[in-house]
Amino acid sequence: MGDQINSQEFHLSLKQISQASGSGTLRYLSFRDQVAKLGLEYSGAAPFPGEATDFTPPPEEPSALEAIWCITLLSPSASLSQLQYLLRFFDEQQWSLFAADTLAQRRDRTVIRFQIDGDLDFDSARLACLGVADELGVDLTIQASVTQRVPKLAGFDMDSTLIDAEVIDELAKITGIGDQVAAITQSAMAGDIDFCESFKRRMALLKGFSEQRLAEIARELPLKEGAYELLAALRALGCKTALLSGGFTYFAKFLQRERLPLDYIHANQLTFAEGALTGEVVEPIIDGDRKRKLLQEIAGSLDLALESVVAMGDGANDIPMLNLGEMGIAIHPKPKVRLQAPQAINLFGLDAALYLFGLNDQQIAKLGV
């Protein structure tokens, strides 16, 4: 038999947390007015001296935002050592920790939001957070506190963002040219070759593909983890959603009709002759610059400032729209995209974006999605 697992809340200073020599699973953290309430699971001797209490229920709402910056830790299994590492990191950067609260405390997901004050350069701070994320095996995002709010318009890439596939690659596999087309796609998404040129080359290779088979493939496309939950939550919160894809309207409209609550669709059109693809391209091709322009046009038609617009994507052709508003979240991104996007989520599904909009699990549950 293993050691008994203890679940206790400790009331501590940040210095006491930093200097602890024990270990444990971090379940939650609340910090305000220089006092931390730390929910910890551990075996053996307690990592901190003094009395401890039972876990307290999670709050219905997060604490008020009062600092300039928010840094959000998203960990599949948060630990005391991860917290200690972060506290040392904040000290090294000369960032003052104003407050902290826990947005999610599931068995497979701990999300803690730290409110930070400090004179920092956003790009340098963002890259530093990515380095810490790699070191700890977590996601760590930074954003201005004023952006911790539900957007009024959210734009999404389709392939490898809303769905867990690159449609054009799936078509190529069926026709026996999968490796050839996938290599072009990979180069385009990594930003190594121009997207429009890559699109024309791939479409030419798909000439003769059956329209009937397209309908079968549409029904088989897997949604990305958390895609439905995020879009349904955004609709419940009054946010409009737009799909902006370098893929095809054929599949985008199927998703809108059958699978996902989407308000706007913009993608590339397929052309057919005698029930098969012609391999021709309908201009203008939706590349990265056009995605950004379309999202901006939708915002304008809704009379929305760009501060209330968020974009999400994974590839190099998503970078322009990811940098359109004050927030742009790269989901399971290519390495180049992760380095250039304002925020990045690697380890969780799309619904994890709700934490960056300032919601906790209690609020999300009340949406009923």
Protein backbone atom coordinates (compact mmCIF):
# COMPACT_ATOMS: atom_id res chain seq x y z
CA MET A 1 0.00 0.00 0.00
CA GLY A 2 1.20 3.51 -0.80
CA ASP A 3 1.28 6.45 1.57
CA GLN A 4 -2.03 8.06 2.42
CA ILE A 5 -2.86 11.12 0.35
CA ASN A 6 -3.68 14.21 2.43
CA SER A 7 -5.77 17.06 1.03
CA GLN A 8 -5.30 20.26 2.99
CA GLU A 9 -5.37 24.02 2.65
CA PHE A 10 -2.42 26.03 3.98
CA HIS A 11 -2.40 29.78 4.70
CA LEU A 12 1.04 31.08 3.84
CA SER A 13 3.23 33.89 2.60
CA LEU A 14 4.86 33.68 -0.81
CA LYS A 15 8.23 33.37 0.91
CA GLN A 16 7.03 30.29 2.82
CA ILE A 17 5.81 28.70 -0.41
CA SER A 18 9.08 29.42 -2.20
CA GLN A 19 11.21 27.95 0.57
CA ALA A 20 9.24 24.73 1.11
CA SER A 21 11.28 21.57 0.61
CA GLY A 22 8.38 19.13 0.29
CA SER A 23 6.34 18.17 -2.75
CA GLY A 24 2.70 17.74 -3.65
CA THR A 25 -0.03 18.20 -6.24
CA LEU A 26 -1.28 21.77 -6.48
CA ARG A 27 -5.08 21.78 -6.50
CA TYR A 28 -5.69 25.53 -6.13
CA LEU A 29 -4.14 28.83 -5.17
CA SER A 30 -5.70 32.05 -3.97
CA PHE A 31 -3.46 35.00 -3.17
CA ARG A 32 -4.45 38.49 -2.06
CA ASP A 33 -3.26 40.97 0.55
CA GLN A 34 0.02 39.09 0.92
CA VAL A 35 -1.68 35.87 2.07
CA ALA A 36 -1.90 32.72 -0.04
CA LYS A 37 -4.45 29.96 0.40
CA LEU A 38 -2.83 26.88 -1.06
CA GLY A 39 -4.80 23.68 -1.68
CA LEU A 40 -2.34 20.81 -1.77
CA GLU A 41 -2.45 17.03 -2.01
CA TYR A 42 0.59 15.31 -0.55
CA SER A 43 1.78 12.12 1.11
CA GLY A 44 4.02 11.77 4.12
CA ALA A 45 4.98 14.79 6.19
CA ALA A 46 3.29 18.13 5.51
CA PRO A 47 5.47 20.42 3.38
CA PHE A 48 4.63 23.38 5.63
CA PRO A 49 4.63 23.75 9.41
CA GLY A 50 1.59 24.79 11.42
CA GLU A 51 -2.11 24.10 11.18
CA ALA A 52 -3.95 23.29 7.98
CA THR A 53 -7.66 23.15 7.12
CA ASP A 54 -9.84 21.13 4.77
CA PHE A 55 -10.20 22.22 1.16
CA THR A 56 -12.61 25.12 0.67
CA PRO A 57 -15.12 25.08 -2.22
CA PRO A 58 -14.08 26.95 -5.37
CA PRO A 59 -15.48 30.50 -5.71
CA GLU A 60 -18.40 31.15 -8.04
CA GLU A 61 -16.48 33.93 -9.83
CA PRO A 62 -12.82 34.88 -10.21
CA SER A 63 -11.45 37.75 -8.18
CA ALA A 64 -11.58 41.28 -9.55
CA LEU A 65 -8.82 42.34 -11.93
CA GLU A 66 -6.73 45.16 -10.51
CA ALA A 67 -3.19 44.66 -11.86
CA ILE A 68 -1.91 45.56 -15.33
CA TRP A 69 -1.04 42.07 -16.59
CA CYS A 70 -2.40 38.55 -16.31
CA ILE A 71 -0.21 35.47 -16.60
CA THR A 72 -2.18 32.23 -16.82
CA LEU A 73 -0.76 28.81 -15.99
CA LEU A 74 -2.54 25.87 -17.64
CA SER A 75 -1.12 22.58 -16.38
CA PRO A 76 -2.30 18.99 -16.91
CA SER A 77 -1.00 18.20 -13.43
CA ALA A 78 0.09 21.23 -11.45
CA SER A 79 2.62 20.73 -8.71
CA LEU A 80 4.10 22.65 -5.80
CA SER A 81 7.46 22.64 -7.61
CA GLN A 82 5.88 24.27 -10.68
CA LEU A 83 4.46 27.03 -8.49
CA GLN A 84 7.82 27.55 -6.81
CA TYR A 85 9.52 27.78 -10.20
CA LEU A 86 7.00 30.43 -11.32
CA LEU A 87 7.45 32.49 -8.18
CA ARG A 88 11.22 32.48 -8.73
CA PHE A 89 10.65 33.42 -12.38
CA PHE A 90 8.48 36.39 -11.40
CA ASP A 91 11.17 37.56 -8.97
CA GLU A 92 13.90 37.23 -11.59
CA GLN A 93 11.84 39.34 -14.02
CA GLN A 94 11.16 41.87 -11.24
CA TRP A 95 7.42 41.41 -11.64
CA SER A 96 5.31 41.99 -8.54
CA LEU A 97 2.62 39.39 -7.86
CA PHE A 98 -0.49 41.36 -6.93
CA ALA A 99 -3.04 38.51 -6.74
CA ALA A 100 -3.75 34.98 -7.93
CA ASP A 101 -6.81 32.81 -8.25
CA THR A 102 -7.71 29.40 -9.64
CA LEU A 103 -9.95 29.17 -12.69
CA ALA A 104 -9.97 25.36 -12.98
CA GLN A 105 -9.04 22.62 -10.54
CA ARG A 106 -9.86 19.38 -12.33
CA ARG A 107 -7.90 16.16 -12.08
CA ASP A 108 -6.55 16.67 -15.58
CA ARG A 109 -6.46 20.48 -15.64
CA THR A 110 -5.34 23.16 -13.24
CA VAL A 111 -5.60 26.78 -14.38
CA ILE A 112 -4.22 29.55 -12.19
CA ARG A 113 -4.31 33.23 -13.10
CA PHE A 114 -1.62 35.50 -11.69
CA GLN A 115 -2.11 39.27 -11.64
CA ILE A 116 1.22 40.96 -12.26
CA ASP A 117 2.41 44.53 -11.96
CA GLY A 118 5.64 45.52 -13.62
CA ASP A 119 7.21 47.65 -16.30
CA LEU A 120 7.57 45.00 -18.98
CA ASP A 121 7.93 44.73 -22.73
CA PHE A 122 5.13 42.46 -23.95
CA ASP A 123 7.06 40.62 -26.66
CA SER A 124 10.04 39.94 -24.41
CA ALA A 125 7.76 38.83 -21.59
CA ARG A 126 5.77 36.58 -23.95
CA LEU A 127 8.91 34.82 -25.17
CA ALA A 128 10.15 34.44 -21.59
CA CYS A 129 6.84 32.81 -20.65
CA LEU A 130 7.16 30.39 -23.58
CA GLY A 131 10.59 29.39 -22.29
CA VAL A 132 9.14 28.68 -18.84
CA ALA A 133 6.29 26.73 -20.43
CA ASP A 134 8.79 24.49 -22.21
CA GLU A 135 10.81 24.01 -19.04
CA LEU A 136 7.79 23.02 -16.93
CA GLY A 137 5.73 21.15 -19.56
CA VAL A 138 2.77 23.55 -19.21
CA ASP A 139 1.07 26.35 -21.11
CA LEU A 140 1.85 29.83 -19.83
CA THR A 141 0.24 32.88 -21.42
CA ILE A 142 0.52 36.59 -20.79
CA GLN A 143 -2.02 39.26 -21.69
CA ALA A 144 -3.09 42.72 -20.64
CA SER A 145 -5.70 42.46 -17.90
CA VAL A 146 -8.14 44.55 -19.94
CA THR A 147 -8.26 41.71 -22.51
CA GLN A 148 -9.56 39.23 -19.92
CA ARG A 149 -13.11 39.55 -21.17
CA VAL A 150 -15.47 37.75 -23.51
CA PRO A 151 -14.91 38.93 -27.11
CA LYS A 152 -17.73 40.18 -29.29
CA LEU A 153 -16.32 38.55 -32.42
CA ALA A 154 -14.07 35.49 -32.70
CA GLY A 155 -12.46 34.38 -35.96
CA PHE A 156 -11.32 30.78 -36.47
CA ASP A 157 -9.17 28.90 -38.90
CA MET A 158 -10.74 25.56 -39.91
CA ASP A 159 -8.14 22.89 -40.74
CA SER A 160 -6.19 21.71 -37.67
CA THR A 161 -8.03 24.35 -35.59
CA LEU A 162 -11.78 23.64 -35.60
CA ILE A 163 -11.25 20.20 -37.14
CA ASP A 164 -8.46 17.77 -36.34
CA ALA A 165 -7.37 17.32 -39.96
CA GLU A 166 -6.03 19.10 -43.04
CA VAL A 167 -8.82 18.39 -45.53
CA ILE A 168 -6.71 18.81 -48.62
CA ASP A 169 -4.24 16.25 -47.25
CA GLU A 170 -7.08 13.80 -46.55
CA LEU A 171 -8.28 14.09 -50.15
CA ALA A 172 -4.76 13.49 -51.39
CA LYS A 173 -4.35 10.34 -49.30
CA ILE A 174 -7.41 8.83 -50.94
CA THR A 175 -6.06 9.55 -54.42
CA GLY A 176 -2.65 8.07 -53.56
CA ILE A 177 -0.67 11.33 -53.56
CA GLY A 178 -0.87 11.96 -49.83
CA ASP A 179 2.85 12.34 -49.16
CA GLN A 180 3.31 14.71 -52.07
CA VAL A 181 0.46 17.02 -51.06
CA ALA A 182 1.18 16.79 -47.32
CA ALA A 183 4.74 17.97 -47.92
CA ILE A 184 3.42 21.07 -49.72
CA THR A 185 0.88 21.70 -46.94
CA GLN A 186 3.52 21.38 -44.23
CA SER A 187 5.79 23.85 -45.98
CA ALA A 188 2.93 26.31 -46.40
CA MET A 189 1.76 26.05 -42.77
CA ALA A 190 5.32 26.44 -41.53
CA GLY A 191 5.65 29.59 -43.64
CA ASP A 192 8.37 28.19 -45.90
CA ILE A 193 6.47 28.76 -49.16
CA ASP A 194 3.75 31.18 -50.26
CA PHE A 195 0.28 29.92 -49.34
CA CYS A 196 -1.41 30.89 -52.64
CA GLU A 197 1.25 29.16 -54.70
CA SER A 198 1.04 26.05 -52.53
CA PHE A 199 -2.75 26.04 -52.82
CA LYS A 200 -2.66 26.15 -56.62
CA ARG A 201 -0.12 23.33 -56.76
CA ARG A 202 -2.16 21.12 -54.44
CA MET A 203 -5.45 21.77 -56.23
CA ALA A 204 -3.93 20.85 -59.58
CA LEU A 205 -2.90 17.50 -58.13
CA LEU A 206 -6.50 16.80 -57.02
CA LYS A 207 -8.05 17.14 -60.46
CA GLY A 208 -10.65 14.41 -61.05
CA PHE A 209 -11.55 13.78 -57.38
CA SER A 210 -15.18 12.60 -57.02
CA GLU A 211 -17.75 15.06 -55.63
CA GLN A 212 -19.67 12.15 -54.10
CA ARG A 213 -16.61 11.13 -52.11
CA LEU A 214 -16.32 14.69 -50.77
CA ALA A 215 -19.71 14.33 -49.09
CA GLU A 216 -18.58 11.12 -47.40
CA ILE A 217 -15.37 12.73 -46.16
CA ALA A 218 -17.27 15.72 -44.74
CA ARG A 219 -19.22 13.43 -42.42
CA GLU A 220 -16.02 11.77 -41.20
CA LEU A 221 -14.06 14.90 -40.29
CA PRO A 222 -13.15 14.88 -36.56
CA LEU A 223 -13.71 18.04 -34.57
CA LYS A 224 -10.81 19.44 -32.63
CA GLU A 225 -11.04 18.84 -28.88
CA GLY A 226 -13.12 21.57 -27.24
CA ALA A 227 -14.27 23.12 -30.55
CA TYR A 228 -17.99 22.62 -30.01
CA GLU A 229 -17.77 23.57 -26.33
CA LEU A 230 -15.98 26.83 -27.10
CA LEU A 231 -18.27 27.87 -29.95
CA ALA A 232 -21.42 26.98 -28.02
CA ALA A 233 -20.16 28.93 -25.00
CA LEU A 234 -19.35 31.96 -27.15
CA ARG A 235 -22.82 31.90 -28.68
CA ALA A 236 -24.37 31.68 -25.20
CA LEU A 237 -22.26 34.69 -24.21
CA GLY A 238 -23.40 36.74 -27.22
CA CYS A 239 -20.18 36.54 -29.22
CA LYS A 240 -20.37 36.22 -33.02
CA THR A 241 -18.12 33.62 -34.65
CA ALA A 242 -16.52 33.47 -38.09
CA LEU A 243 -14.75 30.65 -39.91
CA LEU A 244 -11.95 32.07 -42.09
CA SER A 245 -10.24 29.26 -43.93
CA GLY A 246 -7.74 28.57 -46.65
CA GLY A 247 -9.71 25.34 -47.01
CA PHE A 248 -13.00 24.85 -48.79
CA THR A 249 -16.52 26.26 -48.46
CA TYR A 250 -17.82 22.74 -49.19
CA PHE A 251 -16.59 21.53 -45.80
CA ALA A 252 -17.00 24.83 -43.96
CA LYS A 253 -20.70 24.97 -44.82
CA PHE A 254 -21.13 21.34 -43.74
CA LEU A 255 -19.62 22.20 -40.36
CA GLN A 256 -21.90 25.21 -40.01
CA ARG A 257 -24.97 23.23 -41.03
CA GLU A 258 -24.33 20.00 -39.12
CA ARG A 259 -21.68 20.35 -36.43
CA LEU A 260 -20.77 23.81 -35.13
CA PRO A 261 -22.63 27.05 -34.24
CA LEU A 262 -20.92 29.45 -36.67
CA ASP A 263 -22.26 32.82 -37.82
CA TYR A 264 -20.01 33.61 -40.80
CA ILE A 265 -18.21 31.43 -43.36
CA HIS A 266 -15.38 32.45 -45.68
CA ALA A 267 -13.34 29.79 -47.49
CA ASN A 268 -12.15 28.82 -50.96
CA GLN A 269 -14.60 27.51 -53.54
CA LEU A 270 -14.25 24.19 -55.33
CA THR A 271 -15.12 23.85 -59.02
CA PHE A 272 -16.59 20.70 -60.54
CA ALA A 273 -17.15 19.31 -64.01
CA GLU A 274 -19.06 16.07 -64.62
CA GLY A 275 -19.09 15.29 -60.89
CA ALA A 276 -15.36 15.71 -60.31
CA LEU A 277 -12.91 18.42 -59.26
CA THR A 278 -11.46 20.43 -62.11
CA GLY A 279 -8.28 21.28 -60.20
CA GLU A 280 -8.82 24.95 -60.98
CA VAL A 281 -8.68 27.73 -58.41
CA VAL A 282 -11.33 30.42 -57.88
CA GLU A 283 -9.77 33.80 -57.13
CA PRO A 284 -9.26 35.46 -54.76
CA ILE A 285 -7.64 32.69 -52.74
CA ILE A 286 -8.10 33.13 -49.01
CA ASP A 287 -4.57 33.45 -47.70
CA GLY A 288 -3.33 35.00 -44.47
CA ASP A 289 -3.74 38.61 -45.53
CA ARG A 290 -7.26 37.97 -46.79
CA LYS A 291 -8.23 36.23 -43.53
CA ARG A 292 -7.17 39.33 -41.64
CA LYS A 293 -9.01 41.63 -44.04
CA LEU A 294 -12.22 39.56 -43.87
CA LEU A 295 -12.19 39.47 -40.07
CA GLN A 296 -11.65 43.23 -40.02
CA GLU A 297 -14.55 43.71 -42.47
CA ILE A 298 -16.88 41.58 -40.33
CA ALA A 299 -15.92 43.62 -37.27
CA GLY A 300 -16.65 46.80 -39.20
CA SER A 301 -20.06 45.53 -40.34
CA LEU A 302 -20.90 44.84 -36.70
CA ASP A 303 -19.52 48.26 -35.63
CA LEU A 304 -16.99 46.57 -33.35
CA ALA A 305 -13.64 47.95 -32.27
CA LEU A 306 -10.71 45.61 -32.83
CA GLU A 307 -10.19 45.47 -29.05
CA SER A 308 -13.23 43.19 -28.88
CA VAL A 309 -12.03 40.83 -31.64
CA VAL A 310 -10.13 37.57 -31.05
CA ALA A 311 -8.63 35.20 -33.63
CA MET A 312 -7.58 31.56 -33.27
CA GLY A 313 -5.51 29.42 -35.64
CA ASP A 314 -2.48 27.16 -35.97
CA GLY A 315 -0.63 27.87 -39.24
CA ALA A 316 1.59 30.54 -40.74
CA ASN A 317 -1.32 31.85 -42.82
CA ASP A 318 -3.15 32.60 -39.55
CA ILE A 319 -0.46 34.94 -38.20
CA PRO A 320 -1.90 38.12 -39.78
CA MET A 321 -5.33 37.66 -38.15
CA LEU A 322 -3.81 36.44 -34.87
CA ASN A 323 -2.14 39.83 -34.61
CA LEU A 324 -5.20 41.86 -35.64
CA GLY A 325 -6.79 42.61 -32.28
CA GLU A 326 -5.46 42.70 -28.74
CA MET A 327 -5.63 38.91 -28.45
CA GLY A 328 -4.71 36.13 -30.86
CA ILE A 329 -4.59 32.55 -29.59
CA ALA A 330 -2.54 29.96 -31.46
CA ILE A 331 -4.01 26.48 -30.87
CA HIS A 332 -1.58 23.54 -31.11
CA PRO A 333 0.48 25.81 -33.36
CA LYS A 334 3.42 25.20 -35.66
CA PRO A 335 6.69 26.35 -34.01
CA LYS A 336 6.93 29.57 -36.02
CA VAL A 337 3.34 30.47 -35.18
CA ARG A 338 3.81 29.80 -31.47
CA LEU A 339 6.70 32.27 -31.43
CA GLN A 340 4.72 35.00 -33.21
CA ALA A 341 1.20 34.69 -31.80
CA PRO A 342 0.26 36.86 -28.81
CA GLN A 343 -0.95 33.78 -26.89
CA ALA A 344 -0.55 30.02 -27.45
CA ILE A 345 -2.26 26.92 -26.06
CA ASN A 346 -0.43 23.65 -26.76
CA LEU A 347 -1.70 21.14 -24.23
CA PHE A 348 -5.47 21.66 -24.13
CA GLY A 349 -8.44 21.93 -26.47
CA LEU A 350 -10.05 25.07 -27.80
CA ASP A 351 -12.34 25.45 -24.79
CA ALA A 352 -9.29 26.38 -22.70
CA ALA A 353 -9.49 29.79 -24.40
CA LEU A 354 -12.43 30.55 -22.10
CA TYR A 355 -9.98 30.95 -19.22
CA LEU A 356 -8.13 33.65 -21.16
CA PHE A 357 -11.49 35.41 -21.50
CA GLY A 358 -11.63 35.58 -17.68
CA LEU A 359 -14.10 32.76 -16.97
CA ASN A 360 -13.71 30.04 -14.38
CA ASP A 361 -15.16 26.53 -14.45
CA GLN A 362 -18.15 27.50 -12.29
CA GLN A 363 -19.16 30.23 -14.74
CA ILE A 364 -18.59 27.96 -17.75
CA ALA A 365 -20.76 25.22 -16.22
CA LYS A 366 -23.66 27.67 -15.84
CA LEU A 367 -23.65 28.21 -19.62
CA GLY A 368 -24.94 24.65 -19.98
CA VAL A 369 -22.83 23.77 -23.03
